[in-house]
Amino acid sequence: MVYPPKTLVVGRCSRCGRRLYAFEDRYVCKKMNYVFCDVCARKLQYRCPDAITPLELV
């Protein structure tokens, strides 16, 4: 029996709930500890919605 390889899921997007993998770009708000995918970060104009601080690329 063949098992599929395990994916390296780091977490989920705080806005849309999409799975974030280790090889993808993700954005973090250091102040509020939110993690966003690249699509949601672009929609938020790379700013944290609560703290109004810029998001950092991880």
PDB file of N, CA and C in Angstrom:
ATOM      1  N   MET A   1       0.834  -1.167   0.000  1.00  0.00           N
ATOM      2  CA  MET A   1       0.000   0.000   0.000  1.00  0.00           C
ATOM      3  C   MET A   1       0.892   1.247   0.000  1.00  0.00           C
ATOM      4  N   VAL A   2       0.518   2.216  -0.798  1.00  0.00           N
ATOM      5  CA  VAL A   2       1.299   3.444  -0.929  1.00  0.00           C
ATOM      6  C   VAL A   2       0.605   4.550  -0.144  1.00  0.00           C
ATOM      7  N   TYR A   3       1.382   5.214   0.688  1.00  0.00           N
ATOM      8  CA  TYR A   3       0.856   6.325   1.458  1.00  0.00           C
ATOM      9  C   TYR A   3       1.295   7.637   0.805  1.00  0.00           C
ATOM     10  N   PRO A   4       0.406   8.620   0.741  1.00  0.00           N
ATOM     11  CA  PRO A   4       0.810   9.913   0.181  1.00  0.00           C
ATOM     12  C   PRO A   4       1.771  10.612   1.138  1.00  0.00           C
ATOM     13  N   PRO A   5       2.690  11.403   0.614  1.00  0.00           N
ATOM     14  CA  PRO A   5       3.620  12.113   1.509  1.00  0.00           C
ATOM     15  C   PRO A   5       2.874  13.144   2.357  1.00  0.00           C
ATOM     16  N   LYS A   6       3.339  13.316   3.580  1.00  0.00           N
ATOM     17  CA  LYS A   6       2.713  14.289   4.470  1.00  0.00           C
ATOM     18  C   LYS A   6       3.113  15.692   4.051  1.00  0.00           C
ATOM     19  N   THR A   7       2.156  16.582   4.037  1.00  0.00           N
ATOM     20  CA  THR A   7       2.427  17.964   3.701  1.00  0.00           C
ATOM     21  C   THR A   7       2.880  18.707   4.954  1.00  0.00           C
ATOM     22  N   LEU A   8       3.675  19.692   4.751  1.00  0.00           N
ATOM     23  CA  LEU A   8       4.184  20.482   5.872  1.00  0.00           C
ATOM     24  C   LEU A   8       3.286  21.691   6.083  1.00  0.00           C
ATOM     25  N   VAL A   9       2.188  21.481   6.786  1.00  0.00           N
ATOM     26  CA  VAL A   9       1.240  22.554   7.076  1.00  0.00           C
ATOM     27  C   VAL A   9       1.748  23.316   8.292  1.00  0.00           C
ATOM     28  N   VAL A  10       1.941  24.611   8.115  1.00  0.00           N
ATOM     29  CA  VAL A  10       2.451  25.457   9.191  1.00  0.00           C
ATOM     30  C   VAL A  10       1.303  25.994  10.043  1.00  0.00           C
ATOM     31  N   GLY A  11       0.190  26.300   9.414  1.00  0.00           N
ATOM     32  CA  GLY A  11      -0.957  26.847  10.135  1.00  0.00           C
ATOM     33  C   GLY A  11      -2.056  27.209   9.168  1.00  0.00           C
ATOM     34  N   ARG A  12      -2.938  28.086   9.593  1.00  0.00           N
ATOM     35  CA  ARG A  12      -4.039  28.549   8.753  1.00  0.00           C
ATOM     36  C   ARG A  12      -4.079  30.070   8.744  1.00  0.00           C
ATOM     37  N   CYS A  13      -4.622  30.596   7.656  1.00  0.00           N
ATOM     38  CA  CYS A  13      -4.770  32.045   7.514  1.00  0.00           C
ATOM     39  C   CYS A  13      -5.803  32.525   8.526  1.00  0.00           C
ATOM     40  N   SER A  14      -5.517  33.628   9.185  1.00  0.00           N
ATOM     41  CA  SER A  14      -6.423  34.164  10.199  1.00  0.00           C
ATOM     42  C   SER A  14      -7.675  34.770   9.586  1.00  0.00           C
ATOM     43  N   ARG A  15      -7.634  35.108   8.307  1.00  0.00           N
ATOM     44  CA  ARG A  15      -8.766  35.765   7.666  1.00  0.00           C
ATOM     45  C   ARG A  15      -9.662  34.789   6.922  1.00  0.00           C
ATOM     46  N   CYS A  16      -9.077  33.931   6.068  1.00  0.00           N
ATOM     47  CA  CYS A  16      -9.892  33.045   5.229  1.00  0.00           C
ATOM     48  C   CYS A  16      -9.833  31.582   5.652  1.00  0.00           C
ATOM     49  N   GLY A  17      -8.881  31.201   6.484  1.00  0.00           N
ATOM     50  CA  GLY A  17      -8.793  29.835   6.955  1.00  0.00           C
ATOM     51  C   GLY A  17      -8.058  28.881   6.036  1.00  0.00           C
ATOM     52  N   ARG A  18      -7.412  29.405   5.011  1.00  0.00           N
ATOM     53  CA  ARG A  18      -6.684  28.559   4.065  1.00  0.00           C
ATOM     54  C   ARG A  18      -5.449  27.966   4.734  1.00  0.00           C
ATOM     55  N   ARG A  19      -5.104  26.737   4.370  1.00  0.00           N
ATOM     56  CA  ARG A  19      -3.906  26.098   4.925  1.00  0.00           C
ATOM     57  C   ARG A  19      -2.656  26.796   4.400  1.00  0.00           C
ATOM     58  N   LEU A  20      -1.702  27.007   5.286  1.00  0.00           N
ATOM     59  CA  LEU A  20      -0.434  27.625   4.913  1.00  0.00           C
ATOM     60  C   LEU A  20       0.651  26.568   5.008  1.00  0.00           C
ATOM     61  N   TYR A  21       1.344  26.350   3.907  1.00  0.00           N
ATOM     62  CA  TYR A  21       2.388  25.343   3.834  1.00  0.00           C
ATOM     63  C   TYR A  21       3.755  25.988   4.045  1.00  0.00           C
ATOM     64  N   ALA A  22       4.751  25.176   4.341  1.00  0.00           N
ATOM     65  CA  ALA A  22       6.087  25.670   4.673  1.00  0.00           C
ATOM     66  C   ALA A  22       6.757  26.369   3.494  1.00  0.00           C
ATOM     67  N   PHE A  23       6.443  25.985   2.267  1.00  0.00           N
ATOM     68  CA  PHE A  23       7.118  26.546   1.099  1.00  0.00           C
ATOM     69  C   PHE A  23       6.418  27.777   0.541  1.00  0.00           C
ATOM     70  N   GLU A  24       5.279  28.178   1.087  1.00  0.00           N
ATOM     71  CA  GLU A  24       4.538  29.328   0.589  1.00  0.00           C
ATOM     72  C   GLU A  24       4.911  30.596   1.360  1.00  0.00           C
ATOM     73  N   ASP A  25       4.648  31.736   0.728  1.00  0.00           N
ATOM     74  CA  ASP A  25       4.825  33.012   1.419  1.00  0.00           C
ATOM     75  C   ASP A  25       3.668  33.223   2.387  1.00  0.00           C
ATOM     76  N   ARG A  26       3.986  33.718   3.569  1.00  0.00           N
ATOM     77  CA  ARG A  26       2.950  34.055   4.535  1.00  0.00           C
ATOM     78  C   ARG A  26       3.369  35.344   5.233  1.00  0.00           C
ATOM     79  N   TYR A  27       2.390  36.087   5.673  1.00  0.00           N
ATOM     80  CA  TYR A  27       2.625  37.386   6.283  1.00  0.00           C
ATOM     81  C   TYR A  27       2.156  37.350   7.724  1.00  0.00           C
ATOM     82  N   VAL A  28       2.935  37.972   8.607  1.00  0.00           N
ATOM     83  CA  VAL A  28       2.675  37.912  10.045  1.00  0.00           C
ATOM     84  C   VAL A  28       2.570  39.325  10.599  1.00  0.00           C
ATOM     85  N   CYS A  29       1.593  39.533  11.473  1.00  0.00           N
ATOM     86  CA  CYS A  29       1.509  40.752  12.267  1.00  0.00           C
ATOM     87  C   CYS A  29       2.165  40.437  13.604  1.00  0.00           C
ATOM     88  N   LYS A  30       3.296  41.039  13.878  1.00  0.00           N
ATOM     89  CA  LYS A  30       4.047  40.750  15.103  1.00  0.00           C
ATOM     90  C   LYS A  30       3.313  41.209  16.357  1.00  0.00           C
ATOM     91  N   LYS A  31       2.546  42.277  16.237  1.00  0.00           N
ATOM     92  CA  LYS A  31       1.874  42.831  17.407  1.00  0.00           C
ATOM     93  C   LYS A  31       0.677  41.978  17.848  1.00  0.00           C
ATOM     94  N   MET A  32      -0.144  41.531  16.892  1.00  0.00           N
ATOM     95  CA  MET A  32      -1.359  40.791  17.210  1.00  0.00           C
ATOM     96  C   MET A  32      -1.234  39.283  16.975  1.00  0.00           C
ATOM     97  N   ASN A  33      -0.086  38.817  16.465  1.00  0.00           N
ATOM     98  CA  ASN A  33       0.174  37.404  16.190  1.00  0.00           C
ATOM     99  C   ASN A  33      -0.815  36.798  15.196  1.00  0.00           C
ATOM    100  N   TYR A  34      -1.195  37.559  14.172  1.00  0.00           N
ATOM    101  CA  TYR A  34      -2.028  37.056  13.090  1.00  0.00           C
ATOM    102  C   TYR A  34      -1.135  36.572  11.960  1.00  0.00           C
ATOM    103  N   VAL A  35      -1.597  35.546  11.251  1.00  0.00           N
ATOM    104  CA  VAL A  35      -0.886  35.021  10.093  1.00  0.00           C
ATOM    105  C   VAL A  35      -1.845  35.086   8.914  1.00  0.00           C
ATOM    106  N   PHE A  36      -1.378  35.643   7.783  1.00  0.00           N
ATOM    107  CA  PHE A  36      -2.222  35.808   6.600  1.00  0.00           C
ATOM    108  C   PHE A  36      -1.562  35.160   5.389  1.00  0.00           C
ATOM    109  N   CYS A  37      -2.384  34.630   4.478  1.00  0.00           N
ATOM    110  CA  CYS A  37      -1.868  34.114   3.217  1.00  0.00           C
ATOM    111  C   CYS A  37      -1.575  35.296   2.295  1.00  0.00           C
ATOM    112  N   ASP A  38      -0.955  35.028   1.157  1.00  0.00           N
ATOM    113  CA  ASP A  38      -0.568  36.118   0.262  1.00  0.00           C
ATOM    114  C   ASP A  38      -1.768  36.822  -0.350  1.00  0.00           C
ATOM    115  N   VAL A  39      -2.859  36.117  -0.589  1.00  0.00           N
ATOM    116  CA  VAL A  39      -4.056  36.722  -1.171  1.00  0.00           C
ATOM    117  C   VAL A  39      -4.713  37.682  -0.180  1.00  0.00           C
ATOM    118  N   CYS A  40      -4.872  37.246   1.052  1.00  0.00           N
ATOM    119  CA  CYS A  40      -5.492  38.098   2.071  1.00  0.00           C
ATOM    120  C   CYS A  40      -4.605  39.292   2.424  1.00  0.00           C
ATOM    121  N   ALA A  41      -3.292  39.097   2.429  1.00  0.00           N
ATOM    122  CA  ALA A  41      -2.382  40.207   2.711  1.00  0.00           C
ATOM    123  C   ALA A  41      -2.491  41.278   1.627  1.00  0.00           C
ATOM    124  N   ARG A  42      -2.639  40.844   0.381  1.00  0.00           N
ATOM    125  CA  ARG A  42      -2.799  41.803  -0.718  1.00  0.00           C
ATOM    126  C   ARG A  42      -4.119  42.547  -0.584  1.00  0.00           C
ATOM    127  N   LYS A  43      -5.189  41.840  -0.192  1.00  0.00           N
ATOM    128  CA  LYS A  43      -6.492  42.484  -0.017  1.00  0.00           C
ATOM    129  C   LYS A  43      -6.479  43.475   1.141  1.00  0.00           C
ATOM    130  N   LEU A  44      -5.673  43.191   2.162  1.00  0.00           N
ATOM    131  CA  LEU A  44      -5.544  44.096   3.304  1.00  0.00           C
ATOM    132  C   LEU A  44      -4.504  45.184   3.070  1.00  0.00           C
ATOM    133  N   GLN A  45      -3.920  45.216   1.871  1.00  0.00           N
ATOM    134  CA  GLN A  45      -2.884  46.179   1.483  1.00  0.00           C
ATOM    135  C   GLN A  45      -1.674  46.085   2.401  1.00  0.00           C
ATOM    136  N   TYR A  46      -1.351  44.858   2.824  1.00  0.00           N
ATOM    137  CA  TYR A  46      -0.173  44.551   3.635  1.00  0.00           C
ATOM    138  C   TYR A  46      -0.144  45.308   4.955  1.00  0.00           C
ATOM    139  N   ARG A  47      -1.336  45.507   5.531  1.00  0.00           N
ATOM    140  CA  ARG A  47      -1.481  46.137   6.847  1.00  0.00           C
ATOM    141  C   ARG A  47      -2.327  45.238   7.727  1.00  0.00           C
ATOM    142  N   CYS A  48      -1.987  45.153   8.995  1.00  0.00           N
ATOM    143  CA  CYS A  48      -2.768  44.379   9.952  1.00  0.00           C
ATOM    144  C   CYS A  48      -4.091  45.110  10.207  1.00  0.00           C
ATOM    145  N   PRO A  49      -5.229  44.419  10.151  1.00  0.00           N
ATOM    146  CA  PRO A  49      -6.512  45.117  10.295  1.00  0.00           C
ATOM    147  C   PRO A  49      -6.754  45.684  11.701  1.00  0.00           C
ATOM    148  N   ASP A  50      -6.198  45.079  12.737  1.00  0.00           N
ATOM    149  CA  ASP A  50      -6.447  45.557  14.094  1.00  0.00           C
ATOM    150  C   ASP A  50      -5.423  46.585  14.560  1.00  0.00           C
ATOM    151  N   ALA A  51      -4.168  46.339  14.269  1.00  0.00           N
ATOM    152  CA  ALA A  51      -3.111  47.180  14.814  1.00  0.00           C
ATOM    153  C   ALA A  51      -2.642  48.261  13.842  1.00  0.00           C
ATOM    154  N   ILE A  52      -3.033  48.196  12.595  1.00  0.00           N
ATOM    155  CA  ILE A  52      -2.625  49.145  11.553  1.00  0.00           C
ATOM    156  C   ILE A  52      -1.101  49.183  11.424  1.00  0.00           C
ATOM    157  N   THR A  53      -0.440  48.089  11.675  1.00  0.00           N
ATOM    158  CA  THR A  53       0.998  47.984  11.498  1.00  0.00           C
ATOM    159  C   THR A  53       1.269  47.211  10.220  1.00  0.00           C
ATOM    160  N   PRO A  54       2.407  47.421   9.582  1.00  0.00           N
ATOM    161  CA  PRO A  54       2.709  46.677   8.351  1.00  0.00           C
ATOM    162  C   PRO A  54       2.962  45.201   8.636  1.00  0.00           C
ATOM    163  N   LEU A  55       2.538  44.356   7.699  1.00  0.00           N
ATOM    164  CA  LEU A  55       2.752  42.919   7.817  1.00  0.00           C
ATOM    165  C   LEU A  55       4.165  42.577   7.372  1.00  0.00           C
ATOM    166  N   GLU A  56       4.745  41.570   8.014  1.00  0.00           N
ATOM    167  CA  GLU A  56       6.106  41.151   7.681  1.00  0.00           C
ATOM    168  C   GLU A  56       6.063  39.820   6.947  1.00  0.00           C
ATOM    169  N   LEU A  57       6.838  39.700   5.892  1.00  0.00           N
ATOM    170  CA  LEU A  57       6.929  38.474   5.108  1.00  0.00           C
ATOM    171  C   LEU A  57       7.785  37.458   5.834  1.00  0.00           C
ATOM    172  N   VAL A  58       7.270  36.233   5.948  1.00  0.00           N
ATOM    173  CA  VAL A  58       8.012  35.158   6.612  1.00  0.00           C
ATOM    174  C   VAL A  58       8.404  34.148   5.567  1.00  0.00           C
TER     175      VAL A  58
END
